Amino acid sequence: MKKGIYVMGLLLAPFFIIGQSFDVSVSSDSVLIGNYIELKFTAENIDGEFEPPPLEDFIIVSGPNQSSSVQMINSTTRSMRAWTYYVEPRIEGEIIIPPAYLVNEEKTYETDIVAINIYPNPEGIIEKPKSNNFFYQSFDFPFFDERVAPPKTAPKKEPAKKKSSRQLKRI
């Protein structure tokens, strides 16, 4: 009997170990005016309707960009959904981003409140946001950063083919 309970516990353990979470992350908690930040909402092992926070103090450069993934390892399933915004602040000072909500039939989840400090930018410095994505930090993709300049010399053209010297006769 004890052996049966032990085996059932091992079989059901993955279902209790997997947690649910709904979080928010920002690429930086401070930024110079004129630059933008990455604002990312991530739901792990939760399904529902996403309700973004009001972003009146920001210009939405891009978003909501949605991504999702499902991972199955040894009969354990893990799902993740993410909504990413790239936003540029309109004003200087501290901006408070209210929580986002994820609503499903069972429960309503909410993220934490995020505070971002916006500083003046007298020199006009423009920086790209630091991504929280490990994949893009691991590799260098120069073709995303700069435009490719055209070659300085034009490629050589092949000589044109001669037309045949056939003449048509009218009958």
N, C-alpha and C. Protein backbone atom coordinates (compact mmCIF):
# COMPACT_ATOMS: atom_id res chain seq x y z
N MET A 1 0.82 -1.19 0.00
CA MET A 1 0.00 0.00 0.00
C MET A 1 0.87 1.27 0.00
N LYS A 2 1.92 1.26 0.84
CA LYS A 2 2.80 2.43 0.90
C LYS A 2 3.51 2.63 -0.43
N LYS A 3 3.85 1.53 -1.08
CA LYS A 3 4.53 1.62 -2.36
C LYS A 3 3.63 2.27 -3.41
N GLY A 4 2.36 1.95 -3.41
CA GLY A 4 1.40 2.55 -4.35
C GLY A 4 1.24 4.04 -4.13
N ILE A 5 1.19 4.48 -2.88
CA ILE A 5 1.08 5.91 -2.57
C ILE A 5 2.34 6.64 -3.00
N TYR A 6 3.49 6.02 -2.77
CA TYR A 6 4.76 6.63 -3.17
C TYR A 6 4.82 6.82 -4.69
N VAL A 7 4.40 5.79 -5.44
CA VAL A 7 4.41 5.86 -6.90
C VAL A 7 3.43 6.93 -7.38
N MET A 8 2.24 7.03 -6.79
CA MET A 8 1.27 8.06 -7.17
C MET A 8 1.82 9.45 -6.88
N GLY A 9 2.53 9.60 -5.77
CA GLY A 9 3.14 10.88 -5.44
C GLY A 9 4.17 11.31 -6.46
N LEU A 10 4.98 10.36 -6.92
CA LEU A 10 5.97 10.68 -7.94
C LEU A 10 5.33 11.04 -9.26
N LEU A 11 4.24 10.37 -9.59
CA LEU A 11 3.57 10.65 -10.86
C LEU A 11 2.87 12.01 -10.85
N LEU A 12 2.33 12.40 -9.72
CA LEU A 12 1.58 13.65 -9.64
C LEU A 12 2.45 14.85 -9.25
N ALA A 13 3.68 14.62 -8.81
CA ALA A 13 4.55 15.71 -8.36
C ALA A 13 4.77 16.80 -9.40
N PRO A 14 4.97 16.47 -10.68
CA PRO A 14 5.19 17.55 -11.65
C PRO A 14 4.03 18.52 -11.76
N PHE A 15 2.80 18.07 -11.50
CA PHE A 15 1.65 18.95 -11.60
C PHE A 15 1.61 19.96 -10.46
N PHE A 16 2.19 19.61 -9.31
CA PHE A 16 2.19 20.52 -8.18
C PHE A 16 3.43 21.40 -8.14
N ILE A 17 4.50 20.97 -8.77
CA ILE A 17 5.74 21.74 -8.77
C ILE A 17 5.64 22.94 -9.72
N ILE A 18 4.97 22.75 -10.83
CA ILE A 18 4.86 23.82 -11.83
C ILE A 18 4.01 24.95 -11.25
N GLY A 19 4.58 26.15 -11.23
CA GLY A 19 3.87 27.29 -10.68
C GLY A 19 3.30 28.18 -11.77
N GLN A 20 2.42 29.03 -11.36
CA GLN A 20 1.84 30.01 -12.25
C GLN A 20 2.35 31.38 -11.84
N SER A 21 2.64 32.20 -12.83
CA SER A 21 3.09 33.56 -12.51
C SER A 21 2.69 34.51 -13.63
N PHE A 22 2.51 35.76 -13.24
CA PHE A 22 2.22 36.84 -14.18
C PHE A 22 3.07 38.02 -13.72
N ASP A 23 4.11 38.34 -14.50
CA ASP A 23 5.10 39.33 -14.08
C ASP A 23 5.29 40.42 -15.13
N VAL A 24 5.91 41.51 -14.69
CA VAL A 24 6.29 42.61 -15.57
C VAL A 24 7.78 42.85 -15.41
N SER A 25 8.45 43.20 -16.51
CA SER A 25 9.86 43.57 -16.46
C SER A 25 10.09 44.75 -17.40
N VAL A 26 11.06 45.57 -17.05
CA VAL A 26 11.44 46.71 -17.89
C VAL A 26 12.92 46.61 -18.19
N SER A 27 13.32 47.12 -19.34
CA SER A 27 14.73 47.06 -19.72
C SER A 27 15.58 47.96 -18.85
N SER A 28 14.99 49.04 -18.32
CA SER A 28 15.72 49.94 -17.45
C SER A 28 14.72 50.70 -16.59
N ASP A 29 15.10 50.99 -15.35
CA ASP A 29 14.19 51.75 -14.49
C ASP A 29 14.46 53.26 -14.57
N SER A 30 15.43 53.66 -15.40
CA SER A 30 15.68 55.07 -15.65
C SER A 30 16.12 55.24 -17.10
N VAL A 31 15.73 56.36 -17.69
CA VAL A 31 16.01 56.59 -19.11
C VAL A 31 16.08 58.09 -19.37
N LEU A 32 16.87 58.46 -20.37
CA LEU A 32 16.94 59.85 -20.81
C LEU A 32 15.76 60.13 -21.74
N ILE A 33 15.20 61.32 -21.64
CA ILE A 33 14.05 61.68 -22.49
C ILE A 33 14.48 61.58 -23.96
N GLY A 34 13.61 61.07 -24.79
CA GLY A 34 13.92 60.86 -26.20
C GLY A 34 14.34 59.44 -26.50
N ASN A 35 14.58 58.63 -25.48
CA ASN A 35 14.92 57.21 -25.64
C ASN A 35 13.69 56.38 -25.29
N TYR A 36 13.74 55.11 -25.61
CA TYR A 36 12.61 54.25 -25.28
C TYR A 36 13.07 53.04 -24.49
N ILE A 37 12.11 52.39 -23.85
CA ILE A 37 12.39 51.21 -23.02
C ILE A 37 11.53 50.05 -23.49
N GLU A 38 11.94 48.85 -23.10
CA GLU A 38 11.17 47.64 -23.37
C GLU A 38 10.36 47.32 -22.12
N LEU A 39 9.05 47.18 -22.29
CA LEU A 39 8.13 46.85 -21.21
C LEU A 39 7.51 45.50 -21.56
N LYS A 40 7.78 44.47 -20.73
CA LYS A 40 7.38 43.11 -21.08
C LYS A 40 6.53 42.49 -19.97
N PHE A 41 5.39 41.94 -20.35
CA PHE A 41 4.49 41.24 -19.44
C PHE A 41 4.54 39.76 -19.79
N THR A 42 4.79 38.90 -18.79
CA THR A 42 4.98 37.48 -19.04
C THR A 42 4.03 36.66 -18.16
N ALA A 43 3.28 35.75 -18.79
CA ALA A 43 2.39 34.84 -18.07
C ALA A 43 2.92 33.43 -18.25
N GLU A 44 3.18 32.76 -17.13
CA GLU A 44 3.70 31.40 -17.18
C GLU A 44 2.65 30.44 -16.63
N ASN A 45 2.26 29.46 -17.44
CA ASN A 45 1.28 28.43 -17.10
C ASN A 45 -0.08 29.01 -16.74
N ILE A 46 -0.43 30.14 -17.35
CA ILE A 46 -1.74 30.77 -17.14
C ILE A 46 -2.31 31.12 -18.50
N ASP A 47 -3.58 30.90 -18.67
CA ASP A 47 -4.27 31.31 -19.89
C ASP A 47 -5.34 32.31 -19.50
N GLY A 48 -5.58 33.30 -20.34
CA GLY A 48 -6.59 34.29 -20.03
C GLY A 48 -6.52 35.46 -20.98
N GLU A 49 -7.37 36.44 -20.72
CA GLU A 49 -7.46 37.65 -21.53
C GLU A 49 -6.55 38.71 -20.93
N PHE A 50 -5.61 39.22 -21.75
CA PHE A 50 -4.63 40.22 -21.29
C PHE A 50 -5.25 41.61 -21.38
N GLU A 51 -5.14 42.37 -20.28
CA GLU A 51 -5.59 43.76 -20.23
C GLU A 51 -4.39 44.63 -19.89
N PRO A 52 -3.86 45.37 -20.88
CA PRO A 52 -2.65 46.17 -20.62
C PRO A 52 -2.96 47.37 -19.73
N PRO A 53 -1.95 47.93 -19.10
CA PRO A 53 -2.16 49.14 -18.29
C PRO A 53 -2.30 50.35 -19.21
N PRO A 54 -2.91 51.42 -18.71
CA PRO A 54 -2.94 52.64 -19.52
C PRO A 54 -1.54 53.22 -19.63
N LEU A 55 -1.16 53.60 -20.83
CA LEU A 55 0.19 54.12 -21.08
C LEU A 55 0.11 55.53 -21.68
N GLU A 56 -0.67 56.42 -21.04
CA GLU A 56 -0.86 57.78 -21.57
C GLU A 56 0.41 58.61 -21.55
N ASP A 57 1.32 58.34 -20.60
CA ASP A 57 2.54 59.13 -20.48
C ASP A 57 3.64 58.65 -21.42
N PHE A 58 3.31 57.72 -22.30
CA PHE A 58 4.28 57.16 -23.23
C PHE A 58 3.79 57.23 -24.66
N ILE A 59 4.72 57.29 -25.59
CA ILE A 59 4.44 57.10 -27.01
C ILE A 59 4.75 55.63 -27.27
N ILE A 60 3.79 54.89 -27.79
CA ILE A 60 4.02 53.47 -28.07
C ILE A 60 4.75 53.37 -29.40
N VAL A 61 6.03 53.02 -29.33
CA VAL A 61 6.86 52.87 -30.52
C VAL A 61 6.50 51.57 -31.23
N SER A 62 6.28 50.50 -30.45
CA SER A 62 5.92 49.20 -31.00
C SER A 62 5.17 48.42 -29.94
N GLY A 63 4.14 47.72 -30.35
CA GLY A 63 3.45 46.84 -29.41
C GLY A 63 1.95 46.95 -29.49
N PRO A 64 1.28 46.02 -28.92
CA PRO A 64 1.82 44.88 -28.19
C PRO A 64 2.31 43.79 -29.15
N ASN A 65 3.55 43.39 -28.97
CA ASN A 65 4.13 42.28 -29.73
C ASN A 65 3.92 41.03 -28.89
N GLN A 66 3.26 40.03 -29.44
CA GLN A 66 2.92 38.84 -28.67
C GLN A 66 3.80 37.66 -29.07
N SER A 67 4.17 36.87 -28.07
CA SER A 67 4.90 35.64 -28.32
C SER A 67 4.38 34.58 -27.36
N SER A 68 4.51 33.33 -27.78
CA SER A 68 4.08 32.24 -26.92
C SER A 68 4.95 31.03 -27.17
N SER A 69 5.07 30.19 -26.15
CA SER A 69 5.85 28.96 -26.29
C SER A 69 5.24 27.89 -25.39
N VAL A 70 5.40 26.66 -25.84
CA VAL A 70 4.97 25.50 -25.06
C VAL A 70 6.14 24.54 -25.03
N GLN A 71 6.46 24.06 -23.84
CA GLN A 71 7.60 23.17 -23.67
C GLN A 71 7.11 21.90 -22.98
N MET A 72 7.42 20.75 -23.57
CA MET A 72 7.03 19.47 -22.99
C MET A 72 8.29 18.64 -22.77
N ILE A 73 8.60 18.38 -21.51
CA ILE A 73 9.76 17.58 -21.16
C ILE A 73 9.32 16.51 -20.16
N ASN A 74 9.51 15.25 -20.52
CA ASN A 74 9.17 14.13 -19.63
C ASN A 74 7.76 14.27 -19.05
N SER A 75 6.81 14.45 -19.90
CA SER A 75 5.38 14.57 -19.56
C SER A 75 5.05 15.79 -18.71
N THR A 76 5.97 16.74 -18.59
CA THR A 76 5.70 17.99 -17.89
C THR A 76 5.56 19.08 -18.94
N THR A 77 4.43 19.77 -18.91
CA THR A 77 4.15 20.82 -19.88
C THR A 77 4.28 22.18 -19.22
N ARG A 78 4.96 23.07 -19.91
CA ARG A 78 5.14 24.44 -19.43
C ARG A 78 4.79 25.37 -20.58
N SER A 79 3.94 26.34 -20.32
CA SER A 79 3.58 27.29 -21.37
C SER A 79 3.93 28.71 -20.91
N MET A 80 4.28 29.53 -21.88
CA MET A 80 4.61 30.91 -21.57
C MET A 80 4.07 31.81 -22.68
N ARG A 81 3.46 32.91 -22.26
CA ARG A 81 2.99 33.93 -23.19
C ARG A 81 3.57 35.26 -22.75
N ALA A 82 3.91 36.10 -23.73
CA ALA A 82 4.51 37.39 -23.41
C ALA A 82 3.94 38.47 -24.33
N TRP A 83 3.76 39.67 -23.77
CA TRP A 83 3.34 40.85 -24.50
C TRP A 83 4.41 41.90 -24.28
N THR A 84 5.02 42.38 -25.36
CA THR A 84 6.13 43.32 -25.26
C THR A 84 5.75 44.64 -25.91
N TYR A 85 6.04 45.72 -25.21
CA TYR A 85 5.84 47.07 -25.73
C TYR A 85 7.19 47.77 -25.73
N TYR A 86 7.44 48.59 -26.74
CA TYR A 86 8.56 49.51 -26.73
C TYR A 86 7.94 50.89 -26.63
N VAL A 87 8.23 51.59 -25.52
CA VAL A 87 7.57 52.86 -25.23
C VAL A 87 8.59 53.96 -24.98
N GLU A 88 8.24 55.16 -25.43
CA GLU A 88 9.09 56.34 -25.24
C GLU A 88 8.34 57.30 -24.33
N PRO A 89 8.96 57.75 -23.24
CA PRO A 89 8.27 58.66 -22.32
C PRO A 89 8.02 60.03 -22.95
N ARG A 90 6.87 60.61 -22.62
CA ARG A 90 6.51 61.94 -23.12
C ARG A 90 7.00 63.06 -22.20
N ILE A 91 7.15 62.74 -20.90
CA ILE A 91 7.46 63.76 -19.91
C ILE A 91 8.68 63.35 -19.08
N GLU A 92 9.30 64.33 -18.42
CA GLU A 92 10.40 64.06 -17.51
C GLU A 92 9.84 63.85 -16.11
N GLY A 93 10.64 63.20 -15.25
CA GLY A 93 10.21 62.94 -13.87
C GLY A 93 9.96 61.46 -13.67
N GLU A 94 9.21 61.14 -12.62
CA GLU A 94 8.91 59.74 -12.33
C GLU A 94 7.54 59.38 -12.92
N ILE A 95 7.52 58.30 -13.68
CA ILE A 95 6.27 57.79 -14.25
C ILE A 95 5.96 56.46 -13.60
N ILE A 96 4.74 56.33 -13.12
CA ILE A 96 4.29 55.09 -12.50
C ILE A 96 3.44 54.33 -13.53
N ILE A 97 3.84 53.09 -13.81
CA ILE A 97 3.06 52.23 -14.72
C ILE A 97 2.16 51.36 -13.85
N PRO A 98 0.84 51.52 -13.99
CA PRO A 98 -0.08 50.72 -13.18
C PRO A 98 -0.03 49.24 -13.57
N PRO A 99 -0.65 48.37 -12.79
CA PRO A 99 -0.58 46.94 -13.10
C PRO A 99 -1.37 46.57 -14.36
N ALA A 100 -0.92 45.51 -15.02
CA ALA A 100 -1.66 44.89 -16.11
C ALA A 100 -2.42 43.72 -15.50
N TYR A 101 -3.49 43.28 -16.18
CA TYR A 101 -4.32 42.20 -15.65
C TYR A 101 -4.41 41.06 -16.65
N LEU A 102 -4.53 39.87 -16.13
CA LEU A 102 -4.77 38.67 -16.92
C LEU A 102 -5.99 38.01 -16.30
N VAL A 103 -7.09 38.01 -17.05
CA VAL A 103 -8.37 37.55 -16.52
C VAL A 103 -8.74 36.22 -17.16
N ASN A 104 -9.03 35.23 -16.32
CA ASN A 104 -9.58 33.98 -16.82
C ASN A 104 -10.80 33.61 -15.99
N GLU A 105 -11.39 32.46 -16.24
CA GLU A 105 -12.63 32.07 -15.57
C GLU A 105 -12.45 31.87 -14.08
N GLU A 106 -11.26 31.46 -13.66
CA GLU A 106 -11.02 31.14 -12.25
C GLU A 106 -10.57 32.32 -11.41
N LYS A 107 -9.71 33.17 -11.97
CA LYS A 107 -9.04 34.18 -11.17
C LYS A 107 -8.57 35.33 -12.05
N THR A 108 -8.35 36.49 -11.43
CA THR A 108 -7.75 37.63 -12.10
C THR A 108 -6.36 37.84 -11.52
N TYR A 109 -5.34 37.82 -12.39
CA TYR A 109 -3.95 38.02 -11.98
C TYR A 109 -3.56 39.44 -12.31
N GLU A 110 -2.65 40.02 -11.51
CA GLU A 110 -2.16 41.36 -11.81
C GLU A 110 -0.66 41.44 -11.57
N THR A 111 -0.01 42.34 -12.32
CA THR A 111 1.43 42.54 -12.17
C THR A 111 1.68 43.59 -11.09
N ASP A 112 2.93 43.76 -10.75
CA ASP A 112 3.33 44.81 -9.80
C ASP A 112 3.30 46.16 -10.50
N ILE A 113 3.31 47.21 -9.69
CA ILE A 113 3.42 48.57 -10.21
C ILE A 113 4.90 48.83 -10.49
N VAL A 114 5.20 49.53 -11.59
CA VAL A 114 6.59 49.81 -11.97
C VAL A 114 6.79 51.32 -12.01
N ALA A 115 7.88 51.78 -11.40
CA ALA A 115 8.24 53.21 -11.44
C ALA A 115 9.46 53.38 -12.34
N ILE A 116 9.38 54.37 -13.23
CA ILE A 116 10.48 54.66 -14.15
C ILE A 116 10.83 56.14 -14.02
N ASN A 117 12.13 56.42 -13.87
CA ASN A 117 12.61 57.80 -13.77
C ASN A 117 13.07 58.27 -15.13
N ILE A 118 12.56 59.44 -15.55
CA ILE A 118 12.91 60.03 -16.84
C ILE A 118 13.74 61.28 -16.56
N TYR A 119 14.94 61.34 -17.15
CA TYR A 119 15.84 62.45 -16.92
C TYR A 119 15.98 63.29 -18.18
N PRO A 120 16.34 64.60 -18.02
CA PRO A 120 16.55 65.45 -19.20
C PRO A 120 17.70 64.93 -20.04
N ASN A 121 17.69 65.30 -21.31
CA ASN A 121 18.70 64.82 -22.25
C ASN A 121 19.22 66.00 -23.06
N PRO A 122 20.02 66.90 -22.44
CA PRO A 122 20.46 68.09 -23.16
C PRO A 122 21.39 67.79 -24.33
N GLU A 123 22.13 66.69 -24.28
CA GLU A 123 23.06 66.36 -25.37
C GLU A 123 22.39 65.55 -26.48
N GLY A 124 21.15 65.13 -26.28
CA GLY A 124 20.44 64.37 -27.30
C GLY A 124 20.97 62.96 -27.49
N ILE A 125 21.43 62.32 -26.42
CA ILE A 125 21.98 60.97 -26.49
C ILE A 125 20.84 59.98 -26.74
N ILE A 126 21.01 59.13 -27.74
CA ILE A 126 20.02 58.10 -28.05
C ILE A 126 20.67 56.74 -27.84
N GLU A 127 20.03 55.92 -27.00
CA GLU A 127 20.51 54.57 -26.71
C GLU A 127 19.40 53.58 -26.98
N LYS A 128 19.79 52.37 -27.35
CA LYS A 128 18.82 51.29 -27.55
C LYS A 128 18.52 50.67 -26.20
N PRO A 129 17.28 50.18 -26.00
CA PRO A 129 17.00 49.53 -24.72
C PRO A 129 17.77 48.22 -24.58
N LYS A 130 18.11 47.88 -23.35
CA LYS A 130 18.79 46.62 -23.08
C LYS A 130 17.73 45.54 -23.04
N SER A 131 17.86 44.54 -23.89
CA SER A 131 16.88 43.46 -23.95
C SER A 131 17.10 42.48 -22.82
N ASN A 132 16.01 41.94 -22.29
CA ASN A 132 16.09 40.91 -21.27
C ASN A 132 16.10 39.53 -21.88
N ASN A 133 16.16 39.46 -23.21
CA ASN A 133 16.10 38.18 -23.91
C ASN A 133 17.51 37.61 -24.04
N PHE A 134 17.75 36.45 -23.46
CA PHE A 134 19.07 35.82 -23.47
C PHE A 134 19.54 35.52 -24.88
N PHE A 135 18.64 35.13 -25.78
CA PHE A 135 19.02 34.78 -27.15
C PHE A 135 19.69 35.96 -27.84
N TYR A 136 19.11 37.15 -27.74
CA TYR A 136 19.67 38.30 -28.43
C TYR A 136 20.92 38.83 -27.73
N GLN A 137 21.09 38.57 -26.44
CA GLN A 137 22.31 38.97 -25.76
C GLN A 137 23.46 38.04 -26.08
N SER A 138 23.17 36.80 -26.46
CA SER A 138 24.20 35.80 -26.70
C SER A 138 24.88 35.95 -28.05
N PHE A 139 24.20 36.52 -29.01
CA PHE A 139 24.73 36.61 -30.36
C PHE A 139 24.83 38.07 -30.78
N ASP A 140 25.77 38.34 -31.66
CA ASP A 140 25.94 39.68 -32.18
C ASP A 140 25.29 39.73 -33.55
N PHE A 141 24.29 40.59 -33.70
CA PHE A 141 23.58 40.73 -34.96
C PHE A 141 23.83 42.14 -35.51
N PRO A 142 24.97 42.36 -36.17
CA PRO A 142 25.28 43.71 -36.63
C PRO A 142 24.33 44.21 -37.71
N PHE A 143 23.71 43.30 -38.45
CA PHE A 143 22.84 43.73 -39.53
C PHE A 143 21.54 44.32 -39.00
N PHE A 144 21.22 44.15 -37.70
CA PHE A 144 20.05 44.80 -37.12
C PHE A 144 20.39 46.21 -36.67
N ASP A 145 21.67 46.47 -36.40
CA ASP A 145 22.07 47.73 -35.81
C ASP A 145 22.32 48.84 -36.83
N GLU A 146 22.87 48.52 -37.96
CA GLU A 146 23.26 49.55 -38.92
C GLU A 146 22.79 49.17 -40.31
N ARG A 147 22.61 50.20 -41.11
CA ARG A 147 22.27 49.95 -42.51
C ARG A 147 23.54 49.57 -43.26
N VAL A 148 23.40 48.71 -44.22
CA VAL A 148 24.55 48.27 -45.01
C VAL A 148 24.78 49.28 -46.13
N ALA A 149 26.01 49.78 -46.24
CA ALA A 149 26.34 50.75 -47.28
C ALA A 149 26.46 50.03 -48.62
N PRO A 150 26.04 50.68 -49.71
CA PRO A 150 26.18 50.04 -51.01
C PRO A 150 27.65 49.93 -51.40
N PRO A 151 28.00 48.99 -52.27
CA PRO A 151 29.41 48.86 -52.67
C PRO A 151 29.88 50.11 -53.39
N LYS A 152 31.18 50.42 -53.24
CA LYS A 152 31.73 51.65 -53.82
C LYS A 152 31.91 51.53 -55.33
N THR A 153 32.16 50.34 -55.82
CA THR A 153 32.31 50.16 -57.26
C THR A 153 31.13 49.36 -57.78
N ALA A 154 30.67 49.74 -58.92
CA ALA A 154 29.54 49.04 -59.52
C ALA A 154 30.00 47.68 -60.04
N PRO A 155 29.17 46.68 -59.96
CA PRO A 155 29.58 45.37 -60.49
C PRO A 155 29.73 45.43 -62.00
N LYS A 156 30.63 44.60 -62.52
CA LYS A 156 30.87 44.57 -63.97
C LYS A 156 29.69 43.91 -64.66
N LYS A 157 29.34 44.50 -65.79
CA LYS A 157 28.24 43.94 -66.58
C LYS A 157 28.81 43.00 -67.62
N GLU A 158 28.06 41.98 -67.90
CA GLU A 158 28.47 41.05 -68.95
C GLU A 158 28.14 41.68 -70.30
N PRO A 159 28.95 41.40 -71.33
CA PRO A 159 28.64 41.97 -72.65
C PRO A 159 27.31 41.43 -73.16
N ALA A 160 26.59 42.32 -73.84
CA ALA A 160 25.29 41.92 -74.37
C ALA A 160 25.48 40.94 -75.52
N LYS A 161 24.56 40.01 -75.65
CA LYS A 161 24.62 39.02 -76.74
C LYS A 161 24.20 39.68 -78.04
N LYS A 162 24.86 39.25 -79.12
CA LYS A 162 24.52 39.80 -80.44
C LYS A 162 23.22 39.19 -80.91
N LYS A 163 22.44 40.06 -81.58
CA LYS A 163 21.20 39.57 -82.16
C LYS A 163 21.51 38.79 -83.42
N SER A 164 20.71 37.84 -83.70
CA SER A 164 20.94 37.05 -84.91
C SER A 164 20.66 37.90 -86.15
N SER A 165 21.34 37.61 -87.21
CA SER A 165 21.22 38.40 -88.45
C SER A 165 20.23 37.75 -89.41
N ARG A 166 19.23 37.14 -88.93
CA ARG A 166 18.22 36.53 -89.79
C ARG A 166 17.32 37.62 -90.34
N GLN A 167 17.02 37.47 -91.60
CA GLN A 167 16.12 38.42 -92.23
C GLN A 167 14.89 37.67 -92.71
N LEU A 168 13.79 38.34 -92.57
CA LEU A 168 12.53 37.73 -93.01
C LEU A 168 12.22 38.21 -94.43
N LYS A 169 11.75 37.30 -95.27
CA LYS A 169 11.35 37.65 -96.62
C LYS A 169 9.84 37.54 -96.71
N ARG A 170 9.28 38.51 -97.38
CA ARG A 170 7.83 38.48 -97.60
C ARG A 170 7.53 37.80 -98.91
N ILE A 171 6.50 37.05 -98.91
CA ILE A 171 6.13 36.32 -100.12
C ILE A 171 4.98 37.00 -100.78
